[in-house]
Amino acid sequence: MFSLETGSIIVIPILLISLWVVTRIFQSDEKSAVKVLWTITIFILPAIGCALWYFIGPRKENSTQNSLYFHK
């Protein structure tokens, strides 16, 4: 069975990652509604929500990479 120490080993990293993800969400340039939806997802399903945000969440576009395509 799980003891308190085993649960802490699992919960604490997920909590820290969730807090980091939520701060990244609010620092993004997305609309407020998108930020709220991602934050609710992280609070309801922390581990799965963080994984979803990592794979399908908003991405910052690299302005130098984009500028290379438009310069002639």
PDB file of N, CA and C in Angstrom:
ATOM      1  N   MET A   1       0.828  -1.179   0.000  1.00  0.00           N
ATOM      2  CA  MET A   1       0.000   0.000   0.000  1.00  0.00           C
ATOM      3  C   MET A   1       0.877   1.249   0.000  1.00  0.00           C
ATOM      4  N   PHE A   2       0.245   2.358  -0.339  1.00  0.00           N
ATOM      5  CA  PHE A   2       0.960   3.619  -0.360  1.00  0.00           C
ATOM      6  C   PHE A   2       1.037   4.211   1.038  1.00  0.00           C
ATOM      7  N   SER A   3       2.181   4.728   1.359  1.00  0.00           N
ATOM      8  CA  SER A   3       2.319   5.457   2.618  1.00  0.00           C
ATOM      9  C   SER A   3       2.305   6.958   2.312  1.00  0.00           C
ATOM     10  N   LEU A   4       2.330   7.773   3.327  1.00  0.00           N
ATOM     11  CA  LEU A   4       2.307   9.214   3.149  1.00  0.00           C
ATOM     12  C   LEU A   4       3.521   9.685   2.353  1.00  0.00           C
ATOM     13  N   GLU A   5       4.675   9.075   2.592  1.00  0.00           N
ATOM     14  CA  GLU A   5       5.890   9.479   1.902  1.00  0.00           C
ATOM     15  C   GLU A   5       5.803   9.160   0.415  1.00  0.00           C
ATOM     16  N   THR A   6       5.226   8.013   0.068  1.00  0.00           N
ATOM     17  CA  THR A   6       5.102   7.631  -1.329  1.00  0.00           C
ATOM     18  C   THR A   6       4.158   8.588  -2.054  1.00  0.00           C
ATOM     19  N   GLY A   7       3.074   8.944  -1.435  1.00  0.00           N
ATOM     20  CA  GLY A   7       2.143   9.901  -2.026  1.00  0.00           C
ATOM     21  C   GLY A   7       2.771  11.259  -2.232  1.00  0.00           C
ATOM     22  N   SER A   8       3.600  11.689  -1.291  1.00  0.00           N
ATOM     23  CA  SER A   8       4.274  12.975  -1.405  1.00  0.00           C
ATOM     24  C   SER A   8       5.255  12.989  -2.569  1.00  0.00           C
ATOM     25  N   ILE A   9       5.905  11.865  -2.802  1.00  0.00           N
ATOM     26  CA  ILE A   9       6.858  11.773  -3.906  1.00  0.00           C
ATOM     27  C   ILE A   9       6.144  11.959  -5.243  1.00  0.00           C
ATOM     28  N   ILE A  10       4.907  11.539  -5.324  1.00  0.00           N
ATOM     29  CA  ILE A  10       4.138  11.664  -6.558  1.00  0.00           C
ATOM     30  C   ILE A  10       3.462  13.034  -6.656  1.00  0.00           C
ATOM     31  N   VAL A  11       2.885  13.508  -5.571  1.00  0.00           N
ATOM     32  CA  VAL A  11       2.056  14.714  -5.601  1.00  0.00           C
ATOM     33  C   VAL A  11       2.890  15.988  -5.695  1.00  0.00           C
ATOM     34  N   ILE A  12       3.960  16.085  -4.968  1.00  0.00           N
ATOM     35  CA  ILE A  12       4.742  17.330  -4.926  1.00  0.00           C
ATOM     36  C   ILE A  12       5.297  17.713  -6.296  1.00  0.00           C
ATOM     37  N   PRO A  13       5.922  16.802  -7.055  1.00  0.00           N
ATOM     38  CA  PRO A  13       6.383  17.206  -8.393  1.00  0.00           C
ATOM     39  C   PRO A  13       5.236  17.624  -9.325  1.00  0.00           C
ATOM     40  N   ILE A  14       4.114  16.924  -9.254  1.00  0.00           N
ATOM     41  CA  ILE A  14       2.968  17.288 -10.094  1.00  0.00           C
ATOM     42  C   ILE A  14       2.453  18.669  -9.708  1.00  0.00           C
ATOM     43  N   LEU A  15       2.405  18.973  -8.421  1.00  0.00           N
ATOM     44  CA  LEU A  15       1.977  20.288  -7.956  1.00  0.00           C
ATOM     45  C   LEU A  15       2.921  21.382  -8.445  1.00  0.00           C
ATOM     46  N   LEU A  16       4.216  21.152  -8.334  1.00  0.00           N
ATOM     47  CA  LEU A  16       5.196  22.146  -8.779  1.00  0.00           C
ATOM     48  C   LEU A  16       5.121  22.372 -10.285  1.00  0.00           C
ATOM     49  N   ILE A  17       4.991  21.299 -11.044  1.00  0.00           N
ATOM     50  CA  ILE A  17       4.870  21.428 -12.498  1.00  0.00           C
ATOM     51  C   ILE A  17       3.582  22.157 -12.856  1.00  0.00           C
ATOM     52  N   SER A  18       2.498  21.844 -12.161  1.00  0.00           N
ATOM     53  CA  SER A  18       1.215  22.508 -12.416  1.00  0.00           C
ATOM     54  C   SER A  18       1.313  24.010 -12.159  1.00  0.00           C
ATOM     55  N   LEU A  19       1.959  24.394 -11.087  1.00  0.00           N
ATOM     56  CA  LEU A  19       2.124  25.819 -10.784  1.00  0.00           C
ATOM     57  C   LEU A  19       2.964  26.506 -11.852  1.00  0.00           C
ATOM     58  N   TRP A  20       4.007  25.837 -12.330  1.00  0.00           N
ATOM     59  CA  TRP A  20       4.854  26.400 -13.384  1.00  0.00           C
ATOM     60  C   TRP A  20       4.048  26.574 -14.673  1.00  0.00           C
ATOM     61  N   VAL A  21       3.242  25.561 -15.005  1.00  0.00           N
ATOM     62  CA  VAL A  21       2.424  25.626 -16.224  1.00  0.00           C
ATOM     63  C   VAL A  21       1.413  26.756 -16.131  1.00  0.00           C
ATOM     64  N   VAL A  22       0.772  26.914 -14.984  1.00  0.00           N
ATOM     65  CA  VAL A  22      -0.221  27.984 -14.828  1.00  0.00           C
ATOM     66  C   VAL A  22       0.453  29.354 -14.977  1.00  0.00           C
ATOM     67  N   THR A  23       1.633  29.535 -14.449  1.00  0.00           N
ATOM     68  CA  THR A  23       2.328  30.816 -14.623  1.00  0.00           C
ATOM     69  C   THR A  23       2.677  31.043 -16.094  1.00  0.00           C
ATOM     70  N   ARG A  24       3.084  29.988 -16.799  1.00  0.00           N
ATOM     71  CA  ARG A  24       3.381  30.108 -18.234  1.00  0.00           C
ATOM     72  C   ARG A  24       2.117  30.438 -19.018  1.00  0.00           C
ATOM     73  N   ILE A  25       0.990  29.878 -18.608  1.00  0.00           N
ATOM     74  CA  ILE A  25      -0.274  30.153 -19.278  1.00  0.00           C
ATOM     75  C   ILE A  25      -0.610  31.642 -19.160  1.00  0.00           C
ATOM     76  N   PHE A  26      -0.491  32.200 -17.972  1.00  0.00           N
ATOM     77  CA  PHE A  26      -0.851  33.599 -17.777  1.00  0.00           C
ATOM     78  C   PHE A  26       0.182  34.556 -18.348  1.00  0.00           C
ATOM     79  N   GLN A  27       1.384  34.087 -18.651  1.00  0.00           N
ATOM     80  CA  GLN A  27       2.380  34.922 -19.309  1.00  0.00           C
ATOM     81  C   GLN A  27       2.244  34.884 -20.824  1.00  0.00           C
ATOM     82  N   SER A  28       1.425  33.984 -21.346  1.00  0.00           N
ATOM     83  CA  SER A  28       1.273  33.854 -22.794  1.00  0.00           C
ATOM     84  C   SER A  28       0.442  35.007 -23.352  1.00  0.00           C
ATOM     85  N   ASP A  29       0.434  35.108 -24.665  1.00  0.00           N
ATOM     86  CA  ASP A  29      -0.297  36.167 -25.355  1.00  0.00           C
ATOM     87  C   ASP A  29      -1.699  35.730 -25.772  1.00  0.00           C
ATOM     88  N   GLU A  30      -2.166  34.613 -25.259  1.00  0.00           N
ATOM     89  CA  GLU A  30      -3.482  34.098 -25.629  1.00  0.00           C
ATOM     90  C   GLU A  30      -4.592  34.954 -25.021  1.00  0.00           C
ATOM     91  N   LYS A  31      -5.796  34.772 -25.540  1.00  0.00           N
ATOM     92  CA  LYS A  31      -6.957  35.487 -25.015  1.00  0.00           C
ATOM     93  C   LYS A  31      -7.272  34.985 -23.608  1.00  0.00           C
ATOM     94  N   SER A  32      -7.968  35.801 -22.850  1.00  0.00           N
ATOM     95  CA  SER A  32      -8.302  35.467 -21.466  1.00  0.00           C
ATOM     96  C   SER A  32      -9.118  34.184 -21.360  1.00  0.00           C
ATOM     97  N   ALA A  33     -10.037  33.976 -22.283  1.00  0.00           N
ATOM     98  CA  ALA A  33     -10.867  32.768 -22.239  1.00  0.00           C
ATOM     99  C   ALA A  33     -10.018  31.506 -22.387  1.00  0.00           C
ATOM    100  N   VAL A  34      -9.033  31.560 -23.252  1.00  0.00           N
ATOM    101  CA  VAL A  34      -8.142  30.407 -23.448  1.00  0.00           C
ATOM    102  C   VAL A  34      -7.325  30.159 -22.186  1.00  0.00           C
ATOM    103  N   LYS A  35      -6.851  31.225 -21.573  1.00  0.00           N
ATOM    104  CA  LYS A  35      -6.080  31.096 -20.335  1.00  0.00           C
ATOM    105  C   LYS A  35      -6.916  30.458 -19.231  1.00  0.00           C
ATOM    106  N   VAL A  36      -8.168  30.903 -19.114  1.00  0.00           N
ATOM    107  CA  VAL A  36      -9.049  30.362 -18.075  1.00  0.00           C
ATOM    108  C   VAL A  36      -9.328  28.883 -18.330  1.00  0.00           C
ATOM    109  N   LEU A  37      -9.609  28.524 -19.568  1.00  0.00           N
ATOM    110  CA  LEU A  37      -9.883  27.118 -19.890  1.00  0.00           C
ATOM    111  C   LEU A  37      -8.684  26.225 -19.589  1.00  0.00           C
ATOM    112  N   TRP A  38      -7.484  26.667 -19.960  1.00  0.00           N
ATOM    113  CA  TRP A  38      -6.291  25.868 -19.654  1.00  0.00           C
ATOM    114  C   TRP A  38      -6.077  25.756 -18.148  1.00  0.00           C
ATOM    115  N   THR A  39      -6.291  26.842 -17.425  1.00  0.00           N
ATOM    116  CA  THR A  39      -6.100  26.822 -15.975  1.00  0.00           C
ATOM    117  C   THR A  39      -7.094  25.873 -15.309  1.00  0.00           C
ATOM    118  N   ILE A  40      -8.351  25.902 -15.736  1.00  0.00           N
ATOM    119  CA  ILE A  40      -9.351  24.982 -15.188  1.00  0.00           C
ATOM    120  C   ILE A  40      -8.950  23.542 -15.478  1.00  0.00           C
ATOM    121  N   THR A  41      -8.467  23.295 -16.686  1.00  0.00           N
ATOM    122  CA  THR A  41      -8.021  21.942 -17.042  1.00  0.00           C
ATOM    123  C   THR A  41      -6.880  21.487 -16.138  1.00  0.00           C
ATOM    124  N   ILE A  42      -5.942  22.370 -15.857  1.00  0.00           N
ATOM    125  CA  ILE A  42      -4.800  22.024 -15.001  1.00  0.00           C
ATOM    126  C   ILE A  42      -5.274  21.733 -13.576  1.00  0.00           C
ATOM    127  N   PHE A  43      -6.225  22.502 -13.072  1.00  0.00           N
ATOM    128  CA  PHE A  43      -6.702  22.277 -11.704  1.00  0.00           C
ATOM    129  C   PHE A  43      -7.541  21.017 -11.575  1.00  0.00           C
ATOM    130  N   ILE A  44      -8.313  20.685 -12.605  1.00  0.00           N
ATOM    131  CA  ILE A  44      -9.158  19.489 -12.539  1.00  0.00           C
ATOM    132  C   ILE A  44      -8.342  18.220 -12.761  1.00  0.00           C
ATOM    133  N   LEU A  45      -7.478  18.237 -13.755  1.00  0.00           N
ATOM    134  CA  LEU A  45      -6.649  17.067 -14.092  1.00  0.00           C
ATOM    135  C   LEU A  45      -5.182  17.493 -14.167  1.00  0.00           C
ATOM    136  N   PRO A  46      -4.502  17.622 -13.035  1.00  0.00           N
ATOM    137  CA  PRO A  46      -3.159  18.204 -13.043  1.00  0.00           C
ATOM    138  C   PRO A  46      -2.152  17.492 -13.956  1.00  0.00           C
ATOM    139  N   ALA A  47      -1.989  16.207 -13.816  1.00  0.00           N
ATOM    140  CA  ALA A  47      -0.963  15.508 -14.604  1.00  0.00           C
ATOM    141  C   ALA A  47      -1.344  15.464 -16.078  1.00  0.00           C
ATOM    142  N   ILE A  48      -2.578  15.103 -16.358  1.00  0.00           N
ATOM    143  CA  ILE A  48      -3.031  15.014 -17.747  1.00  0.00           C
ATOM    144  C   ILE A  48      -3.117  16.412 -18.364  1.00  0.00           C
ATOM    145  N   GLY A  49      -3.580  17.382 -17.594  1.00  0.00           N
ATOM    146  CA  GLY A  49      -3.677  18.757 -18.088  1.00  0.00           C
ATOM    147  C   GLY A  49      -2.325  19.335 -18.460  1.00  0.00           C
ATOM    148  N   CYS A  50      -1.312  19.065 -17.643  1.00  0.00           N
ATOM    149  CA  CYS A  50       0.042  19.545 -17.953  1.00  0.00           C
ATOM    150  C   CYS A  50       0.578  18.887 -19.221  1.00  0.00           C
ATOM    151  N   ALA A  51       0.337  17.597 -19.354  1.00  0.00           N
ATOM    152  CA  ALA A  51       0.784  16.888 -20.560  1.00  0.00           C
ATOM    153  C   ALA A  51       0.070  17.428 -21.795  1.00  0.00           C
ATOM    154  N   LEU A  52      -1.231  17.651 -21.692  1.00  0.00           N
ATOM    155  CA  LEU A  52      -1.979  18.208 -22.822  1.00  0.00           C
ATOM    156  C   LEU A  52      -1.472  19.594 -23.183  1.00  0.00           C
ATOM    157  N   TRP A  53      -1.236  20.426 -22.179  1.00  0.00           N
ATOM    158  CA  TRP A  53      -0.738  21.779 -22.437  1.00  0.00           C
ATOM    159  C   TRP A  53       0.623  21.721 -23.128  1.00  0.00           C
ATOM    160  N   TYR A  54       1.475  20.799 -22.704  1.00  0.00           N
ATOM    161  CA  TYR A  54       2.803  20.683 -23.294  1.00  0.00           C
ATOM    162  C   TYR A  54       2.725  20.315 -24.774  1.00  0.00           C
ATOM    163  N   PHE A  55       1.827  19.384 -25.108  1.00  0.00           N
ATOM    164  CA  PHE A  55       1.762  18.903 -26.478  1.00  0.00           C
ATOM    165  C   PHE A  55       0.865  19.737 -27.391  1.00  0.00           C
ATOM    166  N   ILE A  56      -0.250  20.261 -26.895  1.00  0.00           N
ATOM    167  CA  ILE A  56      -1.169  20.982 -27.781  1.00  0.00           C
ATOM    168  C   ILE A  56      -1.435  22.411 -27.339  1.00  0.00           C
ATOM    169  N   GLY A  57      -0.750  22.881 -26.332  1.00  0.00           N
ATOM    170  CA  GLY A  57      -0.972  24.235 -25.836  1.00  0.00           C
ATOM    171  C   GLY A  57      -0.418  25.282 -26.776  1.00  0.00           C
ATOM    172  N   PRO A  58      -0.649  26.541 -26.443  1.00  0.00           N
ATOM    173  CA  PRO A  58      -0.183  27.634 -27.307  1.00  0.00           C
ATOM    174  C   PRO A  58       1.329  27.656 -27.411  1.00  0.00           C
ATOM    175  N   ARG A  59       1.790  27.940 -28.584  1.00  0.00           N
ATOM    176  CA  ARG A  59       3.238  28.023 -28.846  1.00  0.00           C
ATOM    177  C   ARG A  59       3.605  29.455 -29.190  1.00  0.00           C
ATOM    178  N   LYS A  60       4.772  29.852 -28.757  1.00  0.00           N
ATOM    179  CA  LYS A  60       5.295  31.150 -29.181  1.00  0.00           C
ATOM    180  C   LYS A  60       5.976  30.954 -30.527  1.00  0.00           C
ATOM    181  N   GLU A  61       5.668  31.857 -31.433  1.00  0.00           N
ATOM    182  CA  GLU A  61       6.310  31.777 -32.730  1.00  0.00           C
ATOM    183  C   GLU A  61       7.664  32.455 -32.649  1.00  0.00           C
ATOM    184  N   ASN A  62       8.623  31.867 -33.293  1.00  0.00           N
ATOM    185  CA  ASN A  62       9.970  32.415 -33.319  1.00  0.00           C
ATOM    186  C   ASN A  62      10.014  33.503 -34.386  1.00  0.00           C
ATOM    187  N   SER A  63      10.133  34.748 -33.980  1.00  0.00           N
ATOM    188  CA  SER A  63      10.058  35.867 -34.919  1.00  0.00           C
ATOM    189  C   SER A  63      11.221  35.858 -35.899  1.00  0.00           C
ATOM    190  N   THR A  64      12.399  35.397 -35.490  1.00  0.00           N
ATOM    191  CA  THR A  64      13.524  35.364 -36.411  1.00  0.00           C
ATOM    192  C   THR A  64      13.314  34.293 -37.471  1.00  0.00           C
ATOM    193  N   GLN A  65      12.719  33.193 -37.098  1.00  0.00           N
ATOM    194  CA  GLN A  65      12.441  32.140 -38.055  1.00  0.00           C
ATOM    195  C   GLN A  65      11.376  32.601 -39.054  1.00  0.00           C
ATOM    196  N   ASN A  66      10.347  33.263 -38.580  1.00  0.00           N
ATOM    197  CA  ASN A  66       9.300  33.764 -39.459  1.00  0.00           C
ATOM    198  C   ASN A  66       9.821  34.845 -40.386  1.00  0.00           C
ATOM    199  N   SER A  67      10.718  35.679 -39.899  1.00  0.00           N
ATOM    200  CA  SER A  67      11.224  36.760 -40.732  1.00  0.00           C
ATOM    201  C   SER A  67      12.081  36.237 -41.870  1.00  0.00           C
ATOM    202  N   LEU A  68      12.685  35.073 -41.722  1.00  0.00           N
ATOM    203  CA  LEU A  68      13.483  34.504 -42.788  1.00  0.00           C
ATOM    204  C   LEU A  68      12.623  34.139 -43.989  1.00  0.00           C
ATOM    205  N   TYR A  69      11.399  33.758 -43.764  1.00  0.00           N
ATOM    206  CA  TYR A  69      10.513  33.356 -44.848  1.00  0.00           C
ATOM    207  C   TYR A  69       9.990  34.558 -45.636  1.00  0.00           C
ATOM    208  N   PHE A  70       9.933  35.714 -45.020  1.00  0.00           N
ATOM    209  CA  PHE A  70       9.342  36.869 -45.679  1.00  0.00           C
ATOM    210  C   PHE A  70      10.372  37.790 -46.317  1.00  0.00           C
ATOM    211  N   HIS A  71      11.633  37.609 -46.012  1.00  0.00           N
ATOM    212  CA  HIS A  71      12.673  38.452 -46.620  1.00  0.00           C
ATOM    213  C   HIS A  71      13.034  37.875 -47.970  1.00  0.00           C
ATOM    214  N   LYS A  72      13.219  38.788 -48.917  1.00  0.00           N
ATOM    215  CA  LYS A  72      13.650  38.359 -50.270  1.00  0.00           C
ATOM    216  C   LYS A  72      14.947  39.034 -50.616  1.00  0.00           C
TER     217      LYS A  72
END
